[in-house]
Amino acid sequence: MRTSIVIDDELMNDAMRLTGVKTNRGAVELALKSLIPLENQKKIKYFRGKLKWEDNLEALGTDH
C-alpha cells in the first residue's frame, strides 16, 4: 500500500537510531509489526479465569 503520512522528525530519527533501521519505511513497518502482537496480547486478558485447564503438568514432564 502506498500512502503519505506526516511523522514527527524527532520521533522517526529516534526510532531509526535505536533500531538501526535505515529507512522511514523500514521504521514504520517495524513499528507496525511490533504493535500488532502487543495489541493481540491485550485481548488475551479477556480469557482470564474463563478457560479451564484439563491436563496434568506433572504428566507432561519438565526439563528443569
PDB file of N, CA and C in Angstrom:
ATOM      1  N   MET A   1       0.847  -1.176   0.000  1.00  0.00           N
ATOM      2  CA  MET A   1       0.000   0.000   0.000  1.00  0.00           C
ATOM      3  C   MET A   1       0.888   1.234   0.000  1.00  0.00           C
ATOM      4  N   ARG A   2       0.611   2.123  -0.865  1.00  0.00           N
ATOM      5  CA  ARG A   2       1.356   3.377  -0.920  1.00  0.00           C
ATOM      6  C   ARG A   2       0.526   4.444  -0.210  1.00  0.00           C
ATOM      7  N   THR A   3       1.188   5.176   0.685  1.00  0.00           N
ATOM      8  CA  THR A   3       0.500   6.223   1.418  1.00  0.00           C
ATOM      9  C   THR A   3       1.497   7.303   1.818  1.00  0.00           C
ATOM     10  N   SER A   4       0.999   8.458   2.107  1.00  0.00           N
ATOM     11  CA  SER A   4       1.832   9.547   2.607  1.00  0.00           C
ATOM     12  C   SER A   4       1.337   9.913   3.993  1.00  0.00           C
ATOM     13  N   ILE A   5       2.275  10.011   4.936  1.00  0.00           N
ATOM     14  CA  ILE A   5       1.917  10.388   6.297  1.00  0.00           C
ATOM     15  C   ILE A   5       2.931  11.397   6.821  1.00  0.00           C
ATOM     16  N   VAL A   6       2.512  12.179   7.766  1.00  0.00           N
ATOM     17  CA  VAL A   6       3.400  13.143   8.417  1.00  0.00           C
ATOM     18  C   VAL A   6       3.760  12.561   9.779  1.00  0.00           C
ATOM     19  N   ILE A   7       5.057  12.367   9.991  1.00  0.00           N
ATOM     20  CA  ILE A   7       5.554  11.811  11.250  1.00  0.00           C
ATOM     21  C   ILE A   7       6.566  12.784  11.832  1.00  0.00           C
ATOM     22  N   ASP A   8       6.496  12.988  13.124  1.00  0.00           N
ATOM     23  CA  ASP A   8       7.425  13.864  13.825  1.00  0.00           C
ATOM     24  C   ASP A   8       8.862  13.432  13.516  1.00  0.00           C
ATOM     25  N   ASP A   9       9.683  14.374  13.055  1.00  0.00           N
ATOM     26  CA  ASP A   9      11.065  14.069  12.676  1.00  0.00           C
ATOM     27  C   ASP A   9      11.875  13.486  13.830  1.00  0.00           C
ATOM     28  N   GLU A  10      11.737  14.044  15.001  1.00  0.00           N
ATOM     29  CA  GLU A  10      12.492  13.559  16.159  1.00  0.00           C
ATOM     30  C   GLU A  10      12.089  12.127  16.508  1.00  0.00           C
ATOM     31  N   LEU A  11      10.804  11.860  16.437  1.00  0.00           N
ATOM     32  CA  LEU A  11      10.308  10.511  16.716  1.00  0.00           C
ATOM     33  C   LEU A  11      10.883   9.515  15.714  1.00  0.00           C
ATOM     34  N   MET A  12      10.852   9.862  14.438  1.00  0.00           N
ATOM     35  CA  MET A  12      11.368   8.975  13.403  1.00  0.00           C
ATOM     36  C   MET A  12      12.873   8.779  13.562  1.00  0.00           C
ATOM     37  N   ASN A  13      13.592   9.864  13.814  1.00  0.00           N
ATOM     38  CA  ASN A  13      15.046   9.759  13.997  1.00  0.00           C
ATOM     39  C   ASN A  13      15.408   8.887  15.188  1.00  0.00           C
ATOM     40  N   ASP A  14      14.693   9.049  16.289  1.00  0.00           N
ATOM     41  CA  ASP A  14      14.936   8.217  17.472  1.00  0.00           C
ATOM     42  C   ASP A  14      14.674   6.744  17.161  1.00  0.00           C
ATOM     43  N   ALA A  15      13.585   6.468  16.486  1.00  0.00           N
ATOM     44  CA  ALA A  15      13.239   5.082  16.150  1.00  0.00           C
ATOM     45  C   ALA A  15      14.300   4.462  15.253  1.00  0.00           C
ATOM     46  N   MET A  16      14.749   5.193  14.265  1.00  0.00           N
ATOM     47  CA  MET A  16      15.748   4.670  13.341  1.00  0.00           C
ATOM     48  C   MET A  16      17.101   4.478  14.042  1.00  0.00           C
ATOM     49  N   ARG A  17      17.461   5.414  14.901  1.00  0.00           N
ATOM     50  CA  ARG A  17      18.727   5.308  15.630  1.00  0.00           C
ATOM     51  C   ARG A  17      18.711   4.112  16.575  1.00  0.00           C
ATOM     52  N   LEU A  18      17.620   3.942  17.312  1.00  0.00           N
ATOM     53  CA  LEU A  18      17.530   2.874  18.302  1.00  0.00           C
ATOM     54  C   LEU A  18      17.441   1.487  17.679  1.00  0.00           C
ATOM     55  N   THR A  19      16.805   1.383  16.533  1.00  0.00           N
ATOM     56  CA  THR A  19      16.600   0.073  15.911  1.00  0.00           C
ATOM     57  C   THR A  19      17.649  -0.263  14.863  1.00  0.00           C
ATOM     58  N   GLY A  20      18.339   0.746  14.360  1.00  0.00           N
ATOM     59  CA  GLY A  20      19.293   0.503  13.297  1.00  0.00           C
ATOM     60  C   GLY A  20      18.659   0.423  11.924  1.00  0.00           C
ATOM     61  N   VAL A  21      17.370   0.648  11.850  1.00  0.00           N
ATOM     62  CA  VAL A  21      16.664   0.648  10.574  1.00  0.00           C
ATOM     63  C   VAL A  21      17.137   1.861   9.773  1.00  0.00           C
ATOM     64  N   LYS A  22      17.332   1.661   8.476  1.00  0.00           N
ATOM     65  CA  LYS A  22      17.938   2.718   7.652  1.00  0.00           C
ATOM     66  C   LYS A  22      16.939   3.591   6.898  1.00  0.00           C
ATOM     67  N   THR A  23      15.670   3.163   6.819  1.00  0.00           N
ATOM     68  CA  THR A  23      14.696   3.928   6.034  1.00  0.00           C
ATOM     69  C   THR A  23      13.451   4.220   6.858  1.00  0.00           C
ATOM     70  N   ASN A  24      12.743   5.270   6.446  1.00  0.00           N
ATOM     71  CA  ASN A  24      11.472   5.590   7.102  1.00  0.00           C
ATOM     72  C   ASN A  24      10.501   4.427   6.959  1.00  0.00           C
ATOM     73  N   ARG A  25      10.453   3.863   5.755  1.00  0.00           N
ATOM     74  CA  ARG A  25       9.559   2.727   5.519  1.00  0.00           C
ATOM     75  C   ARG A  25       9.890   1.567   6.460  1.00  0.00           C
ATOM     76  N   GLY A  26      11.171   1.274   6.603  1.00  0.00           N
ATOM     77  CA  GLY A  26      11.578   0.191   7.496  1.00  0.00           C
ATOM     78  C   GLY A  26      11.170   0.450   8.938  1.00  0.00           C
ATOM     79  N   ALA A  27      11.320   1.699   9.367  1.00  0.00           N
ATOM     80  CA  ALA A  27      10.946   2.052  10.738  1.00  0.00           C
ATOM     81  C   ALA A  27       9.444   1.906  10.958  1.00  0.00           C
ATOM     82  N   VAL A  28       8.652   2.361  10.006  1.00  0.00           N
ATOM     83  CA  VAL A  28       7.197   2.256  10.131  1.00  0.00           C
ATOM     84  C   VAL A  28       6.773   0.788  10.104  1.00  0.00           C
ATOM     85  N   GLU A  29       7.346  -0.002   9.197  1.00  0.00           N
ATOM     86  CA  GLU A  29       6.983  -1.422   9.124  1.00  0.00           C
ATOM     87  C   GLU A  29       7.365  -2.154  10.409  1.00  0.00           C
ATOM     88  N   LEU A  30       8.549  -1.868  10.956  1.00  0.00           N
ATOM     89  CA  LEU A  30       8.963  -2.488  12.211  1.00  0.00           C
ATOM     90  C   LEU A  30       8.016  -2.101  13.345  1.00  0.00           C
ATOM     91  N   ALA A  31       7.626  -0.841  13.371  1.00  0.00           N
ATOM     92  CA  ALA A  31       6.704  -0.376  14.412  1.00  0.00           C
ATOM     93  C   ALA A  31       5.364  -1.106  14.322  1.00  0.00           C
ATOM     94  N   LEU A  32       4.849  -1.249  13.113  1.00  0.00           N
ATOM     95  CA  LEU A  32       3.571  -1.936  12.945  1.00  0.00           C
ATOM     96  C   LEU A  32       3.683  -3.409  13.299  1.00  0.00           C
ATOM     97  N   LYS A  33       4.789  -4.036  12.903  1.00  0.00           N
ATOM     98  CA  LYS A  33       4.998  -5.455  13.230  1.00  0.00           C
ATOM     99  C   LYS A  33       5.139  -5.657  14.733  1.00  0.00           C
ATOM    100  N   SER A  34       5.617  -4.668  15.436  1.00  0.00           N
ATOM    101  CA  SER A  34       5.735  -4.747  16.897  1.00  0.00           C
ATOM    102  C   SER A  34       4.408  -4.439  17.577  1.00  0.00           C
ATOM    103  N   LEU A  35       3.658  -3.516  17.020  1.00  0.00           N
ATOM    104  CA  LEU A  35       2.392  -3.087  17.605  1.00  0.00           C
ATOM    105  C   LEU A  35       1.317  -4.175  17.536  1.00  0.00           C
ATOM    106  N   ILE A  36       1.232  -4.868  16.431  1.00  0.00           N
ATOM    107  CA  ILE A  36       0.163  -5.854  16.236  1.00  0.00           C
ATOM    108  C   ILE A  36       0.197  -6.957  17.289  1.00  0.00           C
ATOM    109  N   PRO A  37       1.342  -7.606  17.553  1.00  0.00           N
ATOM    110  CA  PRO A  37       1.344  -8.621  18.607  1.00  0.00           C
ATOM    111  C   PRO A  37       1.021  -8.065  19.991  1.00  0.00           C
ATOM    112  N   LEU A  38       1.488  -6.854  20.275  1.00  0.00           N
ATOM    113  CA  LEU A  38       1.177  -6.249  21.569  1.00  0.00           C
ATOM    114  C   LEU A  38      -0.320  -6.051  21.757  1.00  0.00           C
ATOM    115  N   GLU A  39      -0.977  -5.575  20.727  1.00  0.00           N
ATOM    116  CA  GLU A  39      -2.419  -5.367  20.816  1.00  0.00           C
ATOM    117  C   GLU A  39      -3.158  -6.698  20.913  1.00  0.00           C
ATOM    118  N   ASN A  40      -2.685  -7.712  20.204  1.00  0.00           N
ATOM    119  CA  ASN A  40      -3.304  -9.039  20.294  1.00  0.00           C
ATOM    120  C   ASN A  40      -3.134  -9.627  21.692  1.00  0.00           C
ATOM    121  N   GLN A  41      -1.985  -9.376  22.328  1.00  0.00           N
ATOM    122  CA  GLN A  41      -1.767  -9.864  23.684  1.00  0.00           C
ATOM    123  C   GLN A  41      -2.755  -9.247  24.662  1.00  0.00           C
ATOM    124  N   LYS A  42      -3.120  -7.997  24.442  1.00  0.00           N
ATOM    125  CA  LYS A  42      -4.096  -7.346  25.319  1.00  0.00           C
ATOM    126  C   LYS A  42      -5.429  -8.078  25.287  1.00  0.00           C
ATOM    127  N   LYS A  43      -5.786  -8.633  24.142  1.00  0.00           N
ATOM    128  CA  LYS A  43      -7.063  -9.336  24.008  1.00  0.00           C
ATOM    129  C   LYS A  43      -7.085 -10.630  24.813  1.00  0.00           C
ATOM    130  N   ILE A  44      -5.912 -11.195  25.081  1.00  0.00           N
ATOM    131  CA  ILE A  44      -5.836 -12.442  25.846  1.00  0.00           C
ATOM    132  C   ILE A  44      -6.370 -12.238  27.256  1.00  0.00           C
ATOM    133  N   LYS A  45      -6.227 -11.043  27.802  1.00  0.00           N
ATOM    134  CA  LYS A  45      -6.714 -10.759  29.155  1.00  0.00           C
ATOM    135  C   LYS A  45      -8.205 -11.066  29.296  1.00  0.00           C
ATOM    136  N   TYR A  46      -8.947 -10.977  28.208  1.00  0.00           N
ATOM    137  CA  TYR A  46     -10.381 -11.263  28.237  1.00  0.00           C
ATOM    138  C   TYR A  46     -10.648 -12.679  28.744  1.00  0.00           C
ATOM    139  N   PHE A  47      -9.745 -13.596  28.456  1.00  0.00           N
ATOM    140  CA  PHE A  47      -9.956 -15.006  28.796  1.00  0.00           C
ATOM    141  C   PHE A  47      -9.531 -15.362  30.213  1.00  0.00           C
ATOM    142  N   ARG A  48      -8.949 -14.423  30.949  1.00  0.00           N
ATOM    143  CA  ARG A  48      -8.503 -14.711  32.309  1.00  0.00           C
ATOM    144  C   ARG A  48      -9.662 -15.224  33.154  1.00  0.00           C
ATOM    145  N   GLY A  49      -9.478 -16.410  33.708  1.00  0.00           N
ATOM    146  CA  GLY A  49     -10.491 -17.025  34.562  1.00  0.00           C
ATOM    147  C   GLY A  49     -11.636 -17.674  33.797  1.00  0.00           C
ATOM    148  N   LYS A  50     -11.583 -17.653  32.480  1.00  0.00           N
ATOM    149  CA  LYS A  50     -12.676 -18.205  31.684  1.00  0.00           C
ATOM    150  C   LYS A  50     -12.321 -19.528  31.013  1.00  0.00           C
ATOM    151  N   LEU A  51     -11.057 -19.906  31.051  1.00  0.00           N
ATOM    152  CA  LEU A  51     -10.626 -21.143  30.414  1.00  0.00           C
ATOM    153  C   LEU A  51     -10.325 -22.188  31.477  1.00  0.00           C
ATOM    154  N   LYS A  52     -10.659 -23.427  31.196  1.00  0.00           N
ATOM    155  CA  LYS A  52     -10.441 -24.499  32.147  1.00  0.00           C
ATOM    156  C   LYS A  52      -9.268 -25.355  31.685  1.00  0.00           C
ATOM    157  N   TRP A  53      -8.316 -25.603  32.596  1.00  0.00           N
ATOM    158  CA  TRP A  53      -7.161 -26.441  32.309  1.00  0.00           C
ATOM    159  C   TRP A  53      -7.535 -27.886  32.597  1.00  0.00           C
ATOM    160  N   GLU A  54      -7.362 -28.763  31.623  1.00  0.00           N
ATOM    161  CA  GLU A  54      -7.763 -30.166  31.784  1.00  0.00           C
ATOM    162  C   GLU A  54      -6.603 -31.123  31.549  1.00  0.00           C
ATOM    163  N   ASP A  55      -5.394 -30.732  31.904  1.00  0.00           N
ATOM    164  CA  ASP A  55      -4.242 -31.592  31.715  1.00  0.00           C
ATOM    165  C   ASP A  55      -3.457 -31.638  33.015  1.00  0.00           C
ATOM    166  N   ASN A  56      -2.424 -32.457  33.048  1.00  0.00           N
ATOM    167  CA  ASN A  56      -1.620 -32.622  34.236  1.00  0.00           C
ATOM    168  C   ASN A  56      -0.196 -32.190  33.911  1.00  0.00           C
ATOM    169  N   LEU A  57       0.265 -31.116  34.534  1.00  0.00           N
ATOM    170  CA  LEU A  57       1.612 -30.633  34.261  1.00  0.00           C
ATOM    171  C   LEU A  57       2.683 -31.659  34.631  1.00  0.00           C
ATOM    172  N   GLU A  58       2.469 -32.402  35.699  1.00  0.00           N
ATOM    173  CA  GLU A  58       3.459 -33.424  36.093  1.00  0.00           C
ATOM    174  C   GLU A  58       3.548 -34.517  35.041  1.00  0.00           C
ATOM    175  N   ALA A  59       2.437 -34.893  34.432  1.00  0.00           N
ATOM    176  CA  ALA A  59       2.454 -35.917  33.402  1.00  0.00           C
ATOM    177  C   ALA A  59       3.170 -35.424  32.138  1.00  0.00           C
ATOM    178  N   LEU A  60       3.154 -34.127  31.913  1.00  0.00           N
ATOM    179  CA  LEU A  60       3.835 -33.571  30.744  1.00  0.00           C
ATOM    180  C   LEU A  60       5.344 -33.575  30.912  1.00  0.00           C
ATOM    181  N   GLY A  61       5.800 -33.556  32.171  1.00  0.00           N
ATOM    182  CA  GLY A  61       7.238 -33.541  32.441  1.00  0.00           C
ATOM    183  C   GLY A  61       7.820 -32.173  32.306  1.00  0.00           C
ATOM    184  N   THR A  62       8.992 -32.014  32.873  1.00  0.00           N
ATOM    185  CA  THR A  62       9.704 -30.734  32.775  1.00  0.00           C
ATOM    186  C   THR A  62      11.175 -31.009  32.532  1.00  0.00           C
ATOM    187  N   ASP A  63      11.866 -30.035  32.014  1.00  0.00           N
ATOM    188  CA  ASP A  63      13.305 -30.129  31.794  1.00  0.00           C
ATOM    189  C   ASP A  63      14.084 -29.327  32.821  1.00  0.00           C
ATOM    190  N   HIS A  64      13.434 -28.933  33.916  1.00  0.00           N
ATOM    191  CA  HIS A  64      14.091 -28.071  34.926  1.00  0.00           C
ATOM    192  C   HIS A  64      14.967 -28.898  35.809  1.00  0.00           C
TER     193      HIS A  64
END
